[in-house]
Amino acid sequence: MKKADVQVYRERLITMRARLRGDVNNMADATLRKRRSDANGDLSSMPIHMADMGTDNFEQEFTLQLMQSDGDTLGQIENALERIEEGVYGECESCGVRIPKARLNALPYATTCVKCASERD
């Protein structure tokens, strides 16, 4: 792969990494550290309805799942950046064939070609 192409993918991966890190931090700040009374402006000390607590728990669990998914993607992005540094970016880890640019454009942190990915799944 040409150095100019690799540089484009590196910049794209760095941008994705920054965005995902910001997303994860914002989700943690907005959902996990926020109390219900702060969220709805209720300053009273009245007990919270059970349904509200269920909703809060659901939202918190959903956010944790999103954070985990984003964390997994961040790991894949870091691996892709390491492959760029090693000079093996764009090569399928399974068969060694060059990963098509169309696949890298859609998924810049892809580690396998379409054939190997479909066999794995």
PDB file of N, CA and C in Angstrom:
ATOM      1  N   MET A   1       0.853  -1.177   0.000  1.00  0.00           N
ATOM      2  CA  MET A   1       0.000   0.000   0.000  1.00  0.00           C
ATOM      3  C   MET A   1       0.900   1.242   0.000  1.00  0.00           C
ATOM      4  N   LYS A   2       0.493   2.245  -0.734  1.00  0.00           N
ATOM      5  CA  LYS A   2       1.275   3.474  -0.837  1.00  0.00           C
ATOM      6  C   LYS A   2       1.282   4.225   0.486  1.00  0.00           C
ATOM      7  N   LYS A   3       2.380   4.941   0.721  1.00  0.00           N
ATOM      8  CA  LYS A   3       2.507   5.712   1.972  1.00  0.00           C
ATOM      9  C   LYS A   3       1.414   6.761   2.103  1.00  0.00           C
ATOM     10  N   ALA A   4       1.026   7.367   0.996  1.00  0.00           N
ATOM     11  CA  ALA A   4      -0.032   8.383   1.037  1.00  0.00           C
ATOM     12  C   ALA A   4      -1.360   7.756   1.465  1.00  0.00           C
ATOM     13  N   ASP A   5      -1.641   6.548   0.964  1.00  0.00           N
ATOM     14  CA  ASP A   5      -2.870   5.850   1.358  1.00  0.00           C
ATOM     15  C   ASP A   5      -2.839   5.500   2.835  1.00  0.00           C
ATOM     16  N   VAL A   6      -1.704   5.018   3.292  1.00  0.00           N
ATOM     17  CA  VAL A   6      -1.562   4.648   4.698  1.00  0.00           C
ATOM     18  C   VAL A   6      -1.745   5.876   5.583  1.00  0.00           C
ATOM     19  N   GLN A   7      -1.220   7.014   5.152  1.00  0.00           N
ATOM     20  CA  GLN A   7      -1.361   8.247   5.932  1.00  0.00           C
ATOM     21  C   GLN A   7      -2.830   8.647   6.048  1.00  0.00           C
ATOM     22  N   VAL A   8      -3.588   8.478   4.979  1.00  0.00           N
ATOM     23  CA  VAL A   8      -5.022   8.795   5.010  1.00  0.00           C
ATOM     24  C   VAL A   8      -5.719   7.912   6.035  1.00  0.00           C
ATOM     25  N   TYR A   9      -5.417   6.618   6.025  1.00  0.00           N
ATOM     26  CA  TYR A   9      -6.039   5.703   6.988  1.00  0.00           C
ATOM     27  C   TYR A   9      -5.596   6.007   8.416  1.00  0.00           C
ATOM     28  N   ARG A  10      -4.327   6.365   8.584  1.00  0.00           N
ATOM     29  CA  ARG A  10      -3.834   6.718   9.928  1.00  0.00           C
ATOM     30  C   ARG A  10      -4.622   7.908  10.476  1.00  0.00           C
ATOM     31  N   GLU A  11      -4.785   8.932   9.657  1.00  0.00           N
ATOM     32  CA  GLU A  11      -5.529  10.114  10.102  1.00  0.00           C
ATOM     33  C   GLU A  11      -6.989   9.774  10.409  1.00  0.00           C
ATOM     34  N   ARG A  12      -7.577   8.946   9.580  1.00  0.00           N
ATOM     35  CA  ARG A  12      -8.961   8.528   9.811  1.00  0.00           C
ATOM     36  C   ARG A  12      -9.082   7.755  11.127  1.00  0.00           C
ATOM     37  N   LEU A  13      -8.132   6.857  11.380  1.00  0.00           N
ATOM     38  CA  LEU A  13      -8.144   6.072  12.624  1.00  0.00           C
ATOM     39  C   LEU A  13      -7.936   6.957  13.849  1.00  0.00           C
ATOM     40  N   ILE A  14      -7.040   7.919  13.741  1.00  0.00           N
ATOM     41  CA  ILE A  14      -6.797   8.832  14.864  1.00  0.00           C
ATOM     42  C   ILE A  14      -8.034   9.670  15.152  1.00  0.00           C
ATOM     43  N   THR A  15      -8.714  10.108  14.104  1.00  0.00           N
ATOM     44  CA  THR A  15      -9.958  10.868  14.277  1.00  0.00           C
ATOM     45  C   THR A  15     -11.030  10.005  14.932  1.00  0.00           C
ATOM     46  N   MET A  16     -11.159   8.774  14.465  1.00  0.00           N
ATOM     47  CA  MET A  16     -12.136   7.856  15.062  1.00  0.00           C
ATOM     48  C   MET A  16     -11.822   7.602  16.538  1.00  0.00           C
ATOM     49  N   ARG A  17     -10.547   7.414  16.836  1.00  0.00           N
ATOM     50  CA  ARG A  17     -10.135   7.156  18.215  1.00  0.00           C
ATOM     51  C   ARG A  17     -10.487   8.339  19.111  1.00  0.00           C
ATOM     52  N   ALA A  18     -10.213   9.532  18.660  1.00  0.00           N
ATOM     53  CA  ALA A  18     -10.520  10.730  19.450  1.00  0.00           C
ATOM     54  C   ALA A  18     -12.023  10.869  19.674  1.00  0.00           C
ATOM     55  N   ARG A  19     -12.801  10.627  18.623  1.00  0.00           N
ATOM     56  CA  ARG A  19     -14.255  10.727  18.744  1.00  0.00           C
ATOM     57  C   ARG A  19     -14.793   9.692  19.726  1.00  0.00           C
ATOM     58  N   LEU A  20     -14.333   8.455  19.602  1.00  0.00           N
ATOM     59  CA  LEU A  20     -14.819   7.399  20.501  1.00  0.00           C
ATOM     60  C   LEU A  20     -14.402   7.656  21.943  1.00  0.00           C
ATOM     61  N   ARG A  21     -13.190   8.127  22.141  1.00  0.00           N
ATOM     62  CA  ARG A  21     -12.771   8.454  23.516  1.00  0.00           C
ATOM     63  C   ARG A  21     -13.661   9.537  24.101  1.00  0.00           C
ATOM     64  N   GLY A  22     -13.978  10.530  23.301  1.00  0.00           N
ATOM     65  CA  GLY A  22     -14.871  11.586  23.757  1.00  0.00           C
ATOM     66  C   GLY A  22     -16.256  11.059  24.041  1.00  0.00           C
ATOM     67  N   ASP A  23     -16.752  10.176  23.168  1.00  0.00           N
ATOM     68  CA  ASP A  23     -18.072   9.579  23.386  1.00  0.00           C
ATOM     69  C   ASP A  23     -18.122   8.802  24.688  1.00  0.00           C
ATOM     70  N   VAL A  24     -17.113   7.992  24.922  1.00  0.00           N
ATOM     71  CA  VAL A  24     -17.078   7.179  26.142  1.00  0.00           C
ATOM     72  C   VAL A  24     -17.025   8.075  27.371  1.00  0.00           C
ATOM     73  N   ASN A  25     -16.194   9.093  27.329  1.00  0.00           N
ATOM     74  CA  ASN A  25     -16.094  10.009  28.472  1.00  0.00           C
ATOM     75  C   ASN A  25     -17.406  10.754  28.711  1.00  0.00           C
ATOM     76  N   ASN A  26     -18.032  11.203  27.630  1.00  0.00           N
ATOM     77  CA  ASN A  26     -19.308  11.909  27.775  1.00  0.00           C
ATOM     78  C   ASN A  26     -20.396  11.003  28.317  1.00  0.00           C
ATOM     79  N   MET A  27     -20.443   9.759  27.844  1.00  0.00           N
ATOM     80  CA  MET A  27     -21.444   8.826  28.358  1.00  0.00           C
ATOM     81  C   MET A  27     -21.234   8.571  29.842  1.00  0.00           C
ATOM     82  N   ALA A  28     -19.997   8.399  30.235  1.00  0.00           N
ATOM     83  CA  ALA A  28     -19.711   8.154  31.645  1.00  0.00           C
ATOM     84  C   ALA A  28     -20.118   9.352  32.489  1.00  0.00           C
ATOM     85  N   ASP A  29     -19.782  10.529  32.029  1.00  0.00           N
ATOM     86  CA  ASP A  29     -20.125  11.732  32.783  1.00  0.00           C
ATOM     87  C   ASP A  29     -21.630  11.956  32.844  1.00  0.00           C
ATOM     88  N   ALA A  30     -22.290  11.804  31.716  1.00  0.00           N
ATOM     89  CA  ALA A  30     -23.712  12.124  31.645  1.00  0.00           C
ATOM     90  C   ALA A  30     -24.603  11.096  32.333  1.00  0.00           C
ATOM     91  N   THR A  31     -24.246   9.838  32.271  1.00  0.00           N
ATOM     92  CA  THR A  31     -25.150   8.809  32.762  1.00  0.00           C
ATOM     93  C   THR A  31     -24.735   8.201  34.088  1.00  0.00           C
ATOM     94  N   LEU A  32     -23.504   7.859  34.220  1.00  0.00           N
ATOM     95  CA  LEU A  32     -23.085   7.119  35.404  1.00  0.00           C
ATOM     96  C   LEU A  32     -22.885   7.993  36.636  1.00  0.00           C
ATOM     97  N   ARG A  33     -22.575   9.252  36.444  1.00  0.00           N
ATOM     98  CA  ARG A  33     -22.298  10.125  37.585  1.00  0.00           C
ATOM     99  C   ARG A  33     -23.449  11.065  37.913  1.00  0.00           C
ATOM    100  N   LYS A  34     -24.516  10.952  37.165  1.00  0.00           N
ATOM    101  CA  LYS A  34     -25.629  11.879  37.330  1.00  0.00           C
ATOM    102  C   LYS A  34     -26.700  11.248  38.208  1.00  0.00           C
ATOM    103  N   ARG A  35     -27.144  11.970  39.186  1.00  0.00           N
ATOM    104  CA  ARG A  35     -28.247  11.499  40.029  1.00  0.00           C
ATOM    105  C   ARG A  35     -29.555  11.890  39.376  1.00  0.00           C
ATOM    106  N   ARG A  36     -30.597  11.124  39.646  1.00  0.00           N
ATOM    107  CA  ARG A  36     -31.903  11.384  39.052  1.00  0.00           C
ATOM    108  C   ARG A  36     -32.413  12.777  39.414  1.00  0.00           C
ATOM    109  N   SER A  37     -32.254  13.190  40.649  1.00  0.00           N
ATOM    110  CA  SER A  37     -32.765  14.505  41.039  1.00  0.00           C
ATOM    111  C   SER A  37     -32.053  15.616  40.276  1.00  0.00           C
ATOM    112  N   ASP A  38     -30.781  15.410  39.939  1.00  0.00           N
ATOM    113  CA  ASP A  38     -30.057  16.402  39.140  1.00  0.00           C
ATOM    114  C   ASP A  38     -30.565  16.411  37.700  1.00  0.00           C
ATOM    115  N   ALA A  39     -30.940  15.242  37.210  1.00  0.00           N
ATOM    116  CA  ALA A  39     -31.343  15.119  35.814  1.00  0.00           C
ATOM    117  C   ALA A  39     -32.674  15.784  35.544  1.00  0.00           C
ATOM    118  N   ASN A  40     -33.631  15.667  36.483  1.00  0.00           N
ATOM    119  CA  ASN A  40     -34.955  16.217  36.198  1.00  0.00           C
ATOM    120  C   ASN A  40     -35.234  17.512  36.941  1.00  0.00           C
ATOM    121  N   GLY A  41     -34.262  18.019  37.670  1.00  0.00           N
ATOM    122  CA  GLY A  41     -34.427  19.282  38.362  1.00  0.00           C
ATOM    123  C   GLY A  41     -35.201  19.172  39.660  1.00  0.00           C
ATOM    124  N   ASP A  42     -35.531  17.968  40.085  1.00  0.00           N
ATOM    125  CA  ASP A  42     -36.285  17.753  41.311  1.00  0.00           C
ATOM    126  C   ASP A  42     -35.357  17.933  42.504  1.00  0.00           C
ATOM    127  N   LEU A  43     -35.630  18.918  43.300  1.00  0.00           N
ATOM    128  CA  LEU A  43     -34.782  19.190  44.455  1.00  0.00           C
ATOM    129  C   LEU A  43     -35.371  18.620  45.738  1.00  0.00           C
ATOM    130  N   SER A  44     -36.540  18.015  45.649  1.00  0.00           N
ATOM    131  CA  SER A  44     -37.159  17.455  46.851  1.00  0.00           C
ATOM    132  C   SER A  44     -36.485  16.153  47.229  1.00  0.00           C
ATOM    133  N   SER A  45     -36.729  15.732  48.426  1.00  0.00           N
ATOM    134  CA  SER A  45     -36.150  14.480  48.889  1.00  0.00           C
ATOM    135  C   SER A  45     -37.183  13.365  48.889  1.00  0.00           C
ATOM    136  N   MET A  46     -38.237  13.519  48.087  1.00  0.00           N
ATOM    137  CA  MET A  46     -39.281  12.501  47.985  1.00  0.00           C
ATOM    138  C   MET A  46     -38.702  11.244  47.353  1.00  0.00           C
ATOM    139  N   PRO A  47     -39.172  10.087  47.780  1.00  0.00           N
ATOM    140  CA  PRO A  47     -38.682   8.836  47.188  1.00  0.00           C
ATOM    141  C   PRO A  47     -38.990   8.766  45.697  1.00  0.00           C
ATOM    142  N   ILE A  48     -38.128   8.081  44.991  1.00  0.00           N
ATOM    143  CA  ILE A  48     -38.288   7.930  43.551  1.00  0.00           C
ATOM    144  C   ILE A  48     -39.209   6.742  43.292  1.00  0.00           C
ATOM    145  N   HIS A  49     -40.067   6.887  42.310  1.00  0.00           N
ATOM    146  CA  HIS A  49     -40.991   5.817  41.944  1.00  0.00           C
ATOM    147  C   HIS A  49     -40.207   4.615  41.427  1.00  0.00           C
ATOM    148  N   MET A  50     -40.705   3.417  41.674  1.00  0.00           N
ATOM    149  CA  MET A  50     -40.029   2.186  41.261  1.00  0.00           C
ATOM    150  C   MET A  50     -39.808   2.138  39.742  1.00  0.00           C
ATOM    151  N   ALA A  51     -40.796   2.618  38.991  1.00  0.00           N
ATOM    152  CA  ALA A  51     -40.642   2.615  37.531  1.00  0.00           C
ATOM    153  C   ALA A  51     -39.507   3.533  37.104  1.00  0.00           C
ATOM    154  N   ASP A  52     -39.348   4.657  37.784  1.00  0.00           N
ATOM    155  CA  ASP A  52     -38.249   5.571  37.473  1.00  0.00           C
ATOM    156  C   ASP A  52     -36.910   4.904  37.761  1.00  0.00           C
ATOM    157  N   MET A  53     -36.840   4.175  38.852  1.00  0.00           N
ATOM    158  CA  MET A  53     -35.597   3.477  39.189  1.00  0.00           C
ATOM    159  C   MET A  53     -35.291   2.415  38.137  1.00  0.00           C
ATOM    160  N   GLY A  54     -36.342   1.729  37.654  1.00  0.00           N
ATOM    161  CA  GLY A  54     -36.148   0.736  36.599  1.00  0.00           C
ATOM    162  C   GLY A  54     -35.642   1.368  35.319  1.00  0.00           C
ATOM    163  N   THR A  55     -36.198   2.504  34.987  1.00  0.00           N
ATOM    164  CA  THR A  55     -35.756   3.226  33.787  1.00  0.00           C
ATOM    165  C   THR A  55     -34.302   3.656  33.935  1.00  0.00           C
ATOM    166  N   ASP A  56     -33.968   4.182  35.102  1.00  0.00           N
ATOM    167  CA  ASP A  56     -32.587   4.596  35.352  1.00  0.00           C
ATOM    168  C   ASP A  56     -31.633   3.412  35.229  1.00  0.00           C
ATOM    169  N   ASN A  57     -32.018   2.274  35.801  1.00  0.00           N
ATOM    170  CA  ASN A  57     -31.168   1.081  35.724  1.00  0.00           C
ATOM    171  C   ASN A  57     -31.001   0.610  34.286  1.00  0.00           C
ATOM    172  N   PHE A  58     -32.097   0.633  33.515  1.00  0.00           N
ATOM    173  CA  PHE A  58     -32.023   0.242  32.113  1.00  0.00           C
ATOM    174  C   PHE A  58     -31.081   1.168  31.348  1.00  0.00           C
ATOM    175  N   GLU A  59     -31.251   2.469  31.536  1.00  0.00           N
ATOM    176  CA  GLU A  59     -30.401   3.437  30.828  1.00  0.00           C
ATOM    177  C   GLU A  59     -28.940   3.264  31.208  1.00  0.00           C
ATOM    178  N   GLN A  60     -28.694   2.987  32.477  1.00  0.00           N
ATOM    179  CA  GLN A  60     -27.322   2.807  32.930  1.00  0.00           C
ATOM    180  C   GLN A  60     -26.718   1.540  32.315  1.00  0.00           C
ATOM    181  N   GLU A  61     -27.474   0.452  32.284  1.00  0.00           N
ATOM    182  CA  GLU A  61     -26.998  -0.793  31.685  1.00  0.00           C
ATOM    183  C   GLU A  61     -26.765  -0.620  30.187  1.00  0.00           C
ATOM    184  N   PHE A  62     -27.673   0.068  29.525  1.00  0.00           N
ATOM    185  CA  PHE A  62     -27.528   0.326  28.095  1.00  0.00           C
ATOM    186  C   PHE A  62     -26.262   1.135  27.825  1.00  0.00           C
ATOM    187  N   THR A  63     -26.033   2.147  28.640  1.00  0.00           N
ATOM    188  CA  THR A  63     -24.835   2.974  28.483  1.00  0.00           C
ATOM    189  C   THR A  63     -23.575   2.159  28.716  1.00  0.00           C
ATOM    190  N   LEU A  64     -23.590   1.296  29.715  1.00  0.00           N
ATOM    191  CA  LEU A  64     -22.428   0.434  29.969  1.00  0.00           C
ATOM    192  C   LEU A  64     -22.145  -0.476  28.769  1.00  0.00           C
ATOM    193  N   GLN A  65     -23.185  -0.998  28.142  1.00  0.00           N
ATOM    194  CA  GLN A  65     -22.997  -1.834  26.957  1.00  0.00           C
ATOM    195  C   GLN A  65     -22.418  -1.025  25.807  1.00  0.00           C
ATOM    196  N   LEU A  66     -22.913   0.195  25.618  1.00  0.00           N
ATOM    197  CA  LEU A  66     -22.352   1.063  24.574  1.00  0.00           C
ATOM    198  C   LEU A  66     -20.888   1.379  24.854  1.00  0.00           C
ATOM    199  N   MET A  67     -20.572   1.640  26.113  1.00  0.00           N
ATOM    200  CA  MET A  67     -19.196   1.949  26.482  1.00  0.00           C
ATOM    201  C   MET A  67     -18.292   0.744  26.233  1.00  0.00           C
ATOM    202  N   GLN A  68     -18.794  -0.460  26.511  1.00  0.00           N
ATOM    203  CA  GLN A  68     -18.001  -1.662  26.265  1.00  0.00           C
ATOM    204  C   GLN A  68     -17.766  -1.853  24.771  1.00  0.00           C
ATOM    205  N   SER A  69     -18.810  -1.654  23.982  1.00  0.00           N
ATOM    206  CA  SER A  69     -18.685  -1.783  22.539  1.00  0.00           C
ATOM    207  C   SER A  69     -17.691  -0.763  21.989  1.00  0.00           C
ATOM    208  N   ASP A  70     -17.808   0.475  22.452  1.00  0.00           N
ATOM    209  CA  ASP A  70     -16.868   1.506  22.019  1.00  0.00           C
ATOM    210  C   ASP A  70     -15.455   1.180  22.482  1.00  0.00           C
ATOM    211  N   GLY A  71     -15.335   0.600  23.671  1.00  0.00           N
ATOM    212  CA  GLY A  71     -14.017   0.201  24.170  1.00  0.00           C
ATOM    213  C   GLY A  71     -13.401  -0.882  23.306  1.00  0.00           C
ATOM    214  N   ASP A  72     -14.211  -1.829  22.864  1.00  0.00           N
ATOM    215  CA  ASP A  72     -13.726  -2.873  21.957  1.00  0.00           C
ATOM    216  C   ASP A  72     -13.255  -2.267  20.642  1.00  0.00           C
ATOM    217  N   THR A  73     -14.037  -1.325  20.125  1.00  0.00           N
ATOM    218  CA  THR A  73     -13.668  -0.660  18.873  1.00  0.00           C
ATOM    219  C   THR A  73     -12.381   0.141  19.057  1.00  0.00           C
ATOM    220  N   LEU A  74     -12.242   0.787  20.206  1.00  0.00           N
ATOM    221  CA  LEU A  74     -11.001   1.528  20.478  1.00  0.00           C
ATOM    222  C   LEU A  74      -9.796   0.591  20.455  1.00  0.00           C
ATOM    223  N   GLY A  75      -9.956  -0.596  21.005  1.00  0.00           N
ATOM    224  CA  GLY A  75      -8.877  -1.580  20.982  1.00  0.00           C
ATOM    225  C   GLY A  75      -8.510  -1.982  19.558  1.00  0.00           C
ATOM    226  N   GLN A  76      -9.519  -2.159  18.720  1.00  0.00           N
ATOM    227  CA  GLN A  76      -9.270  -2.508  17.323  1.00  0.00           C
ATOM    228  C   GLN A  76      -8.580  -1.365  16.584  1.00  0.00           C
ATOM    229  N   ILE A  77      -8.962  -0.140  16.912  1.00  0.00           N
ATOM    230  CA  ILE A  77      -8.313   1.023  16.297  1.00  0.00           C
ATOM    231  C   ILE A  77      -6.854   1.094  16.719  1.00  0.00           C
ATOM    232  N   GLU A  78      -6.586   0.870  17.993  1.00  0.00           N
ATOM    233  CA  GLU A  78      -5.197   0.874  18.477  1.00  0.00           C
ATOM    234  C   GLU A  78      -4.379  -0.202  17.768  1.00  0.00           C
ATOM    235  N   ASN A  79      -4.969  -1.391  17.589  1.00  0.00           N
ATOM    236  CA  ASN A  79      -4.269  -2.463  16.874  1.00  0.00           C
ATOM    237  C   ASN A  79      -3.973  -2.067  15.437  1.00  0.00           C
ATOM    238  N   ALA A  80      -4.931  -1.390  14.787  1.00  0.00           N
ATOM    239  CA  ALA A  80      -4.718  -0.943  13.410  1.00  0.00           C
ATOM    240  C   ALA A  80      -3.579   0.067  13.338  1.00  0.00           C
ATOM    241  N   LEU A  81      -3.538   0.979  14.303  1.00  0.00           N
ATOM    242  CA  LEU A  81      -2.444   1.963  14.328  1.00  0.00           C
ATOM    243  C   LEU A  81      -1.098   1.278  14.549  1.00  0.00           C
ATOM    244  N   GLU A  82      -1.086   0.239  15.364  1.00  0.00           N
ATOM    245  CA  GLU A  82       0.158  -0.529  15.561  1.00  0.00           C
ATOM    246  C   GLU A  82       0.569  -1.243  14.269  1.00  0.00           C
ATOM    247  N   ARG A  83      -0.407  -1.782  13.535  1.00  0.00           N
ATOM    248  CA  ARG A  83      -0.101  -2.453  12.266  1.00  0.00           C
ATOM    249  C   ARG A  83       0.460  -1.450  11.254  1.00  0.00           C
ATOM    250  N   ILE A  84      -0.017  -0.211  11.312  1.00  0.00           N
ATOM    251  CA  ILE A  84       0.541   0.817  10.432  1.00  0.00           C
ATOM    252  C   ILE A  84       2.016   1.025  10.773  1.00  0.00           C
ATOM    253  N   GLU A  85       2.316   1.147  12.053  1.00  0.00           N
ATOM    254  CA  GLU A  85       3.705   1.357  12.480  1.00  0.00           C
ATOM    255  C   GLU A  85       4.598   0.176  12.091  1.00  0.00           C
ATOM    256  N   GLU A  86       4.034  -1.035  12.119  1.00  0.00           N
ATOM    257  CA  GLU A  86       4.802  -2.240  11.780  1.00  0.00           C
ATOM    258  C   GLU A  86       4.912  -2.458  10.279  1.00  0.00           C
ATOM    259  N   GLY A  87       4.131  -1.690   9.503  1.00  0.00           N
ATOM    260  CA  GLY A  87       4.175  -1.809   8.052  1.00  0.00           C
ATOM    261  C   GLY A  87       3.342  -2.956   7.495  1.00  0.00           C
ATOM    262  N   VAL A  88       2.412  -3.480   8.285  1.00  0.00           N
ATOM    263  CA  VAL A  88       1.579  -4.594   7.816  1.00  0.00           C
ATOM    264  C   VAL A  88       0.109  -4.209   7.711  1.00  0.00           C
ATOM    265  N   TYR A  89      -0.180  -2.934   7.811  1.00  0.00           N
ATOM    266  CA  TYR A  89      -1.570  -2.482   7.712  1.00  0.00           C
ATOM    267  C   TYR A  89      -2.114  -2.792   6.326  1.00  0.00           C
ATOM    268  N   GLY A  90      -3.339  -3.286   6.278  1.00  0.00           N
ATOM    269  CA  GLY A  90      -3.985  -3.591   5.007  1.00  0.00           C
ATOM    270  C   GLY A  90      -3.773  -5.012   4.541  1.00  0.00           C
ATOM    271  N   GLU A  91      -3.039  -5.816   5.315  1.00  0.00           N
ATOM    272  CA  GLU A  91      -2.840  -7.227   4.981  1.00  0.00           C
ATOM    273  C   GLU A  91      -3.743  -8.064   5.878  1.00  0.00           C
ATOM    274  N   CYS A  92      -4.389  -9.065   5.291  1.00  0.00           N
ATOM    275  CA  CYS A  92      -5.260  -9.962   6.045  1.00  0.00           C
ATOM    276  C   CYS A  92      -4.412 -10.774   7.023  1.00  0.00           C
ATOM    277  N   GLU A  93      -4.815 -10.777   8.280  1.00  0.00           N
ATOM    278  CA  GLU A  93      -4.079 -11.525   9.298  1.00  0.00           C
ATOM    279  C   GLU A  93      -4.234 -13.027   9.123  1.00  0.00           C
ATOM    280  N   SER A  94      -5.275 -13.452   8.430  1.00  0.00           N
ATOM    281  CA  SER A  94      -5.515 -14.889   8.260  1.00  0.00           C
ATOM    282  C   SER A  94      -4.797 -15.466   7.050  1.00  0.00           C
ATOM    283  N   CYS A  95      -4.958 -14.808   5.898  1.00  0.00           N
ATOM    284  CA  CYS A  95      -4.409 -15.392   4.664  1.00  0.00           C
ATOM    285  C   CYS A  95      -3.268 -14.569   4.058  1.00  0.00           C
ATOM    286  N   GLY A  96      -3.043 -13.357   4.547  1.00  0.00           N
ATOM    287  CA  GLY A  96      -1.960 -12.531   4.044  1.00  0.00           C
ATOM    288  C   GLY A  96      -2.275 -11.747   2.785  1.00  0.00           C
ATOM    289  N   VAL A  97      -3.472 -11.910   2.254  1.00  0.00           N
ATOM    290  CA  VAL A  97      -3.885 -11.183   1.049  1.00  0.00           C
ATOM    291  C   VAL A  97      -4.150  -9.729   1.414  1.00  0.00           C
ATOM    292  N   ARG A  98      -3.985  -8.864   0.447  1.00  0.00           N
ATOM    293  CA  ARG A  98      -4.248  -7.440   0.653  1.00  0.00           C
ATOM    294  C   ARG A  98      -5.747  -7.206   0.846  1.00  0.00           C
ATOM    295  N   ILE A  99      -6.102  -6.476   1.885  1.00  0.00           N
ATOM    296  CA  ILE A  99      -7.503  -6.144   2.146  1.00  0.00           C
ATOM    297  C   ILE A  99      -7.906  -5.053   1.163  1.00  0.00           C
ATOM    298  N   PRO A 100      -9.032  -5.238   0.460  1.00  0.00           N
ATOM    299  CA  PRO A 100      -9.457  -4.231  -0.527  1.00  0.00           C
ATOM    300  C   PRO A 100      -9.698  -2.858   0.114  1.00  0.00           C
ATOM    301  N   LYS A 101      -9.404  -1.819  -0.639  1.00  0.00           N
ATOM    302  CA  LYS A 101      -9.606  -0.457  -0.138  1.00  0.00           C
ATOM    303  C   LYS A 101     -11.058  -0.195   0.220  1.00  0.00           C
ATOM    304  N   ALA A 102     -11.980  -0.782  -0.520  1.00  0.00           N
ATOM    305  CA  ALA A 102     -13.404  -0.582  -0.215  1.00  0.00           C
ATOM    306  C   ALA A 102     -13.714  -1.064   1.205  1.00  0.00           C
ATOM    307  N   ARG A 103     -13.123  -2.184   1.604  1.00  0.00           N
ATOM    308  CA  ARG A 103     -13.342  -2.695   2.961  1.00  0.00           C
ATOM    309  C   ARG A 103     -12.680  -1.783   3.984  1.00  0.00           C
ATOM    310  N   LEU A 104     -11.472  -1.333   3.709  1.00  0.00           N
ATOM    311  CA  LEU A 104     -10.778  -0.438   4.643  1.00  0.00           C
ATOM    312  C   LEU A 104     -11.470   0.917   4.730  1.00  0.00           C
ATOM    313  N   ASN A 105     -12.074   1.363   3.643  1.00  0.00           N
ATOM    314  CA  ASN A 105     -12.816   2.620   3.693  1.00  0.00           C
ATOM    315  C   ASN A 105     -14.035   2.481   4.596  1.00  0.00           C
ATOM    316  N   ALA A 106     -14.683   1.335   4.533  1.00  0.00           N
ATOM    317  CA  ALA A 106     -15.858   1.101   5.362  1.00  0.00           C
ATOM    318  C   ALA A 106     -15.478   0.791   6.798  1.00  0.00           C
ATOM    319  N   LEU A 107     -14.388   0.059   6.989  1.00  0.00           N
ATOM    320  CA  LEU A 107     -13.961  -0.401   8.311  1.00  0.00           C
ATOM    321  C   LEU A 107     -12.437  -0.297   8.394  1.00  0.00           C
ATOM    322  N   PRO A 108     -11.924   0.902   8.678  1.00  0.00           N
ATOM    323  CA  PRO A 108     -10.474   1.106   8.602  1.00  0.00           C
ATOM    324  C   PRO A 108      -9.659   0.260   9.578  1.00  0.00           C
ATOM    325  N   TYR A 109     -10.289  -0.320  10.558  1.00  0.00           N
ATOM    326  CA  TYR A 109      -9.566  -1.165  11.518  1.00  0.00           C
ATOM    327  C   TYR A 109      -9.757  -2.655  11.221  1.00  0.00           C
ATOM    328  N   ALA A 110     -10.216  -2.979  10.007  1.00  0.00           N
ATOM    329  CA  ALA A 110     -10.399  -4.379   9.618  1.00  0.00           C
ATOM    330  C   ALA A 110      -9.050  -5.096   9.625  1.00  0.00           C
ATOM    331  N   THR A 111      -9.070  -6.333  10.119  1.00  0.00           N
ATOM    332  CA  THR A 111      -7.838  -7.121  10.170  1.00  0.00           C
ATOM    333  C   THR A 111      -7.845  -8.276   9.185  1.00  0.00           C
ATOM    334  N   THR A 112      -9.013  -8.534   8.582  1.00  0.00           N
ATOM    335  CA  THR A 112      -9.126  -9.649   7.647  1.00  0.00           C
ATOM    336  C   THR A 112      -9.840  -9.199   6.376  1.00  0.00           C
ATOM    337  N   CYS A 113      -9.593  -9.960   5.312  1.00  0.00           N
ATOM    338  CA  CYS A 113     -10.298  -9.710   4.070  1.00  0.00           C
ATOM    339  C   CYS A 113     -11.740 -10.196   4.217  1.00  0.00           C
ATOM    340  N   VAL A 114     -12.579  -9.879   3.265  1.00  0.00           N
ATOM    341  CA  VAL A 114     -13.996 -10.233   3.334  1.00  0.00           C
ATOM    342  C   VAL A 114     -14.170 -11.748   3.395  1.00  0.00           C
ATOM    343  N   LYS A 115     -13.404 -12.483   2.599  1.00  0.00           N
ATOM    344  CA  LYS A 115     -13.521 -13.937   2.560  1.00  0.00           C
ATOM    345  C   LYS A 115     -13.210 -14.549   3.928  1.00  0.00           C
ATOM    346  N   CYS A 116     -12.092 -14.152   4.515  1.00  0.00           N
ATOM    347  CA  CYS A 116     -11.717 -14.699   5.822  1.00  0.00           C
ATOM    348  C   CYS A 116     -12.686 -14.261   6.921  1.00  0.00           C
ATOM    349  N   ALA A 117     -13.180 -13.042   6.825  1.00  0.00           N
ATOM    350  CA  ALA A 117     -14.139 -12.553   7.817  1.00  0.00           C
ATOM    351  C   ALA A 117     -15.439 -13.343   7.739  1.00  0.00           C
ATOM    352  N   SER A 118     -15.893 -13.643   6.528  1.00  0.00           N
ATOM    353  CA  SER A 118     -17.145 -14.401   6.401  1.00  0.00           C
ATOM    354  C   SER A 118     -16.954 -15.847   6.841  1.00  0.00           C
ATOM    355  N   GLU A 119     -15.784 -16.410   6.624  1.00  0.00           N
ATOM    356  CA  GLU A 119     -15.502 -17.771   7.099  1.00  0.00           C
ATOM    357  C   GLU A 119     -15.448 -17.814   8.621  1.00  0.00           C
ATOM    358  N   ARG A 120     -14.910 -16.776   9.217  1.00  0.00           N
ATOM    359  CA  ARG A 120     -14.785 -16.719  10.671  1.00  0.00           C
ATOM    360  C   ARG A 120     -16.150 -16.575  11.328  1.00  0.00           C
ATOM    361  N   ASP A 121     -17.017 -15.774  10.705  1.00  0.00           N
ATOM    362  CA  ASP A 121     -18.343 -15.568  11.273  1.00  0.00           C
ATOM    363  C   ASP A 121     -19.242 -16.694  10.916  1.00  0.00           C
TER     364      ASP A 121
END
